[in-house]
Protein backbone atom coordinates (compact mmCIF):
# COMPACT_ATOMS: atom_id res chain seq x y z
CA MET A 1 30.52 -9.25 45.20
CA LYS A 2 26.77 -8.75 44.92
CA ARG A 3 27.21 -5.17 43.70
CA LYS A 4 29.64 -6.29 40.98
CA GLY A 5 27.08 -8.84 39.75
CA ILE A 6 24.39 -6.18 39.44
CA ARG A 7 26.74 -3.96 37.41
CA SER A 8 27.39 -6.87 35.08
CA VAL A 9 23.66 -7.42 34.59
CA PHE A 10 23.11 -3.73 33.76
CA ALA A 11 26.13 -3.69 31.43
CA LEU A 12 24.83 -6.77 29.61
CA ALA A 13 21.33 -5.26 29.37
CA GLY A 14 22.76 -2.01 27.96
CA LEU A 15 24.85 -3.89 25.42
CA THR A 16 21.87 -6.00 24.34
CA LEU A 17 19.69 -2.90 23.97
CA SER A 18 22.32 -1.03 21.94
CA ILE A 19 22.74 -4.01 19.60
CA ALA A 20 18.97 -4.33 19.17
CA CYS A 21 18.60 -0.63 18.37
CA ALA A 22 21.59 -0.50 16.01
CA GLY A 23 19.56 -2.00 13.17
CA TYR A 24 16.64 0.34 13.75
CA TYR A 25 18.24 3.78 13.62
CA PRO A 26 19.61 5.00 10.28
CA ALA A 27 23.30 5.90 10.04
CA ARG A 28 24.07 9.54 10.64
CA ILE A 29 25.16 11.44 7.55
CA GLY A 30 28.91 11.99 7.53
CA VAL A 31 29.84 9.32 10.08
CA GLY A 32 32.13 6.72 8.52
CA ILE A 33 31.00 7.64 5.00
CA THR A 34 33.30 8.19 2.06
CA TYR A 35 32.10 10.96 -0.22
CA VAL A 36 33.01 10.95 -3.90
CA GLU A 37 32.96 14.16 -5.93
CA ARG A 38 32.43 12.46 -9.29
CA THR A 39 29.00 11.18 -10.34
CA PRO A 40 28.89 7.37 -10.56
CA PRO A 41 28.84 5.95 -14.12
CA PRO A 42 25.55 4.57 -15.49
CA GLU A 43 24.77 0.99 -14.48
CA ARG A 44 26.01 -1.68 -16.86
CA VAL A 45 23.64 -4.01 -18.62
CA GLU A 46 24.33 -7.49 -17.31
CA VAL A 47 23.53 -10.85 -18.84
CA ILE A 48 21.81 -12.80 -16.09
CA SER A 49 22.56 -16.50 -16.18
CA VAL A 50 20.14 -19.24 -15.17
CA ALA A 51 19.64 -19.44 -11.40
CA PRO A 52 21.57 -22.27 -9.73
CA SER A 53 18.37 -23.14 -7.85
CA PRO A 54 14.81 -21.79 -7.53
CA ALA A 55 15.72 -20.45 -4.08
CA ASP A 56 18.56 -18.21 -5.34
CA VAL A 57 18.05 -14.45 -5.86
CA TRP A 58 19.91 -12.29 -8.39
CA ILE A 59 21.97 -9.47 -6.85
CA SER A 60 22.77 -6.89 -9.53
CA GLY A 61 26.25 -5.55 -10.11
CA TYR A 62 27.20 -2.04 -9.01
CA TRP A 63 29.91 0.57 -9.22
CA SER A 64 32.23 0.56 -6.21
CA TRP A 65 34.54 3.47 -5.43
CA ARG A 66 38.20 2.42 -5.38
CA ASN A 67 40.09 5.66 -5.05
CA PRO A 68 40.78 7.26 -7.56
CA GLU A 69 38.12 5.64 -9.78
CA TYR A 70 34.96 3.54 -9.93
CA LEU A 71 35.25 -0.22 -10.34
CA TRP A 72 32.41 -2.45 -11.60
CA VAL A 73 31.47 -5.32 -9.24
CA PRO A 74 29.58 -7.94 -11.29
CA GLY A 75 26.20 -9.30 -10.23
CA ARG A 76 25.80 -12.74 -8.70
CA TRP A 77 23.28 -15.32 -7.54
CA GLU A 78 22.91 -15.70 -3.80
CA ARG A 79 20.70 -17.74 -1.53
CA PRO A 80 18.84 -15.61 1.05
CA ALA A 81 19.62 -16.09 4.72
CA PRO A 82 16.85 -17.87 6.66
CA GLY A 83 13.89 -15.56 7.25
CA TYR A 84 14.69 -13.28 4.29
CA ARG A 85 13.20 -13.32 0.79
CA ARG A 86 13.99 -10.15 -1.08
CA TRP A 87 17.22 -8.28 -1.86
CA GLU A 88 17.06 -4.50 -1.63
CA PRO A 89 19.85 -3.34 -3.96
CA GLY A 90 22.55 -0.92 -2.90
CA ARG A 91 22.56 2.53 -4.45
CA TRP A 92 24.54 5.72 -4.81
CA ARG A 93 22.94 8.70 -3.05
CA HIS A 94 23.81 12.34 -3.42
CA HIS A 95 24.52 14.68 -0.53
CA ARG A 96 25.92 18.20 -0.46
CA ASN A 97 29.35 16.68 0.30
CA GLY A 98 29.22 14.44 -2.79
CA TRP A 99 28.09 10.91 -3.65
CA TYR A 100 28.06 8.08 -1.11
CA TRP A 101 27.20 4.37 -1.29
CA VAL A 102 24.32 2.77 0.65
CA ASP A 103 24.81 -1.00 0.94
CA GLY A 104 22.16 -3.41 -0.26
CA ARG A 105 20.46 -5.68 2.26
CA TRP A 106 18.12 -8.61 2.67
CA ARG A 107 14.51 -7.99 3.61
């Protein structure tokens, strides 16, 4: 019984460490990424409405790939999660395999 408990502690420690490191290491190119051969269209000019509150941050619209074409996702106001202030917008990046999307995130 004691040996089983120690294994559980090590398993839990390993899981905690892997979760903690997951946000630190960048994703490997080609793993779970959809590549698009066509260049994304130019960004649209959006009319930004008045913020619902001084705490809200504008998140710009972007082109999303919905096979077989790009689809515009309009911008929106969003309140940052506690501890975050700034939105780092998503972007299309080019790789030898084509274009791929990098999600935006809070900083």
